[in-house]
Amino acid sequence: MSCSLSIESYLTCLIHAAKYPTLSTCGLLIGILDQYDPSKTIITDVLPVSHNAPIGPIFDFAADMVC
């Protein structure tokens, strides 16, 4: 399985990392399957969720907000 990252998603990650250079970031990758190659995922958006260690309820809440 392969994936590609849209320019907007890449820039979101890059800008967020530049804004908070000393912190790690956990987040969600949102994407779709390529209609011509179902083994390829195209990441269309990224959502920074937390700067702390990943905790299940935080990600559950973030996923519920996206869906």
C-alpha atoms as a PDB file:
ATOM      1  CA  MET A   1       0.000   0.000   0.000  1.00  0.00           C
ATOM      2  CA  SER A   2       1.301   3.439  -0.885  1.00  0.00           C
ATOM      3  CA  CYS A   3       0.097   6.924  -0.141  1.00  0.00           C
ATOM      4  CA  SER A   4       0.574  10.407  -1.461  1.00  0.00           C
ATOM      5  CA  LEU A   5       0.200  13.677   0.387  1.00  0.00           C
ATOM      6  CA  SER A   6      -1.534  16.685  -1.165  1.00  0.00           C
ATOM      7  CA  ILE A   7       0.385  19.940  -1.242  1.00  0.00           C
ATOM      8  CA  GLU A   8      -2.107  21.522   1.170  1.00  0.00           C
ATOM      9  CA  SER A   9      -1.670  18.675   3.660  1.00  0.00           C
ATOM     10  CA  TYR A  10       2.099  18.845   3.409  1.00  0.00           C
ATOM     11  CA  LEU A  11       2.074  22.609   3.964  1.00  0.00           C
ATOM     12  CA  THR A  12      -0.239  22.255   6.966  1.00  0.00           C
ATOM     13  CA  CYS A  13       2.251  19.844   8.568  1.00  0.00           C
ATOM     14  CA  LEU A  14       5.205  22.036   7.666  1.00  0.00           C
ATOM     15  CA  ILE A  15       3.661  25.268   8.968  1.00  0.00           C
ATOM     16  CA  HIS A  16       2.497  23.605  12.184  1.00  0.00           C
ATOM     17  CA  ALA A  17       5.975  22.167  12.758  1.00  0.00           C
ATOM     18  CA  ALA A  18       7.525  25.583  12.129  1.00  0.00           C
ATOM     19  CA  LYS A  19       5.134  27.224  14.596  1.00  0.00           C
ATOM     20  CA  TYR A  20       5.898  24.664  17.335  1.00  0.00           C
ATOM     21  CA  PRO A  21       9.479  23.512  16.603  1.00  0.00           C
ATOM     22  CA  THR A  22      10.169  22.025  20.034  1.00  0.00           C
ATOM     23  CA  LEU A  23       6.981  19.965  20.330  1.00  0.00           C
ATOM     24  CA  SER A  24       5.943  16.718  18.740  1.00  0.00           C
ATOM     25  CA  THR A  25       2.480  16.675  17.204  1.00  0.00           C
ATOM     26  CA  CYS A  26      -0.056  13.870  17.008  1.00  0.00           C
ATOM     27  CA  GLY A  27      -2.916  14.179  14.582  1.00  0.00           C
ATOM     28  CA  LEU A  28      -5.254  12.653  12.058  1.00  0.00           C
ATOM     29  CA  LEU A  29      -4.612  12.042   8.389  1.00  0.00           C
ATOM     30  CA  ILE A  30      -7.748  12.226   6.253  1.00  0.00           C
ATOM     31  CA  GLY A  31      -7.724  10.686   2.828  1.00  0.00           C
ATOM     32  CA  ILE A  32      -9.416   8.748   0.070  1.00  0.00           C
ATOM     33  CA  LEU A  33      -8.574   5.648  -1.925  1.00  0.00           C
ATOM     34  CA  ASP A  34      -7.336   6.312  -5.450  1.00  0.00           C
ATOM     35  CA  GLN A  35     -10.148   5.332  -7.816  1.00  0.00           C
ATOM     36  CA  TYR A  36      -7.659   3.923 -10.358  1.00  0.00           C
ATOM     37  CA  ASP A  37      -5.424   2.099  -7.882  1.00  0.00           C
ATOM     38  CA  PRO A  38      -7.261   0.981  -4.702  1.00  0.00           C
ATOM     39  CA  SER A  39      -3.957   0.081  -3.049  1.00  0.00           C
ATOM     40  CA  LYS A  40      -2.997   3.780  -3.047  1.00  0.00           C
ATOM     41  CA  THR A  41      -4.296   6.293  -0.494  1.00  0.00           C
ATOM     42  CA  ILE A  42      -4.343  10.013  -1.189  1.00  0.00           C
ATOM     43  CA  ILE A  43      -4.049  12.138   1.973  1.00  0.00           C
ATOM     44  CA  THR A  44      -6.236  15.186   1.411  1.00  0.00           C
ATOM     45  CA  ASP A  45      -6.174  16.853   4.827  1.00  0.00           C
ATOM     46  CA  VAL A  46      -4.360  16.713   8.154  1.00  0.00           C
ATOM     47  CA  LEU A  47      -5.644  17.749  11.554  1.00  0.00           C
ATOM     48  CA  PRO A  48      -3.232  18.389  14.422  1.00  0.00           C
ATOM     49  CA  VAL A  49      -4.869  16.999  17.561  1.00  0.00           C
ATOM     50  CA  SER A  50      -2.425  17.145  20.432  1.00  0.00           C
ATOM     51  CA  HIS A  51       1.112  18.063  21.456  1.00  0.00           C
ATOM     52  CA  ASN A  52       1.093  15.474  24.232  1.00  0.00           C
ATOM     53  CA  ALA A  53       1.464  11.712  24.165  1.00  0.00           C
ATOM     54  CA  PRO A  54      -1.428  10.232  22.208  1.00  0.00           C
ATOM     55  CA  ILE A  55      -4.360   9.301  24.421  1.00  0.00           C
ATOM     56  CA  GLY A  56      -7.259   7.241  23.062  1.00  0.00           C
ATOM     57  CA  PRO A  57     -10.156   9.477  24.192  1.00  0.00           C
ATOM     58  CA  ILE A  58      -8.580  12.557  22.606  1.00  0.00           C
ATOM     59  CA  PHE A  59      -8.330  10.823  19.233  1.00  0.00           C
ATOM     60  CA  ASP A  60     -11.827   9.380  19.597  1.00  0.00           C
ATOM     61  CA  PHE A  61     -13.196  12.858  20.215  1.00  0.00           C
ATOM     62  CA  ALA A  62     -11.251  14.314  17.277  1.00  0.00           C
ATOM     63  CA  ALA A  63     -12.461  11.550  14.959  1.00  0.00           C
ATOM     64  CA  ASP A  64     -16.044  12.111  16.072  1.00  0.00           C
ATOM     65  CA  MET A  65     -15.696  15.809  15.292  1.00  0.00           C
ATOM     66  CA  VAL A  66     -14.447  15.036  11.773  1.00  0.00           C
ATOM     67  CA  CYS A  67     -17.090  12.445  10.913  1.00  0.00           C
END
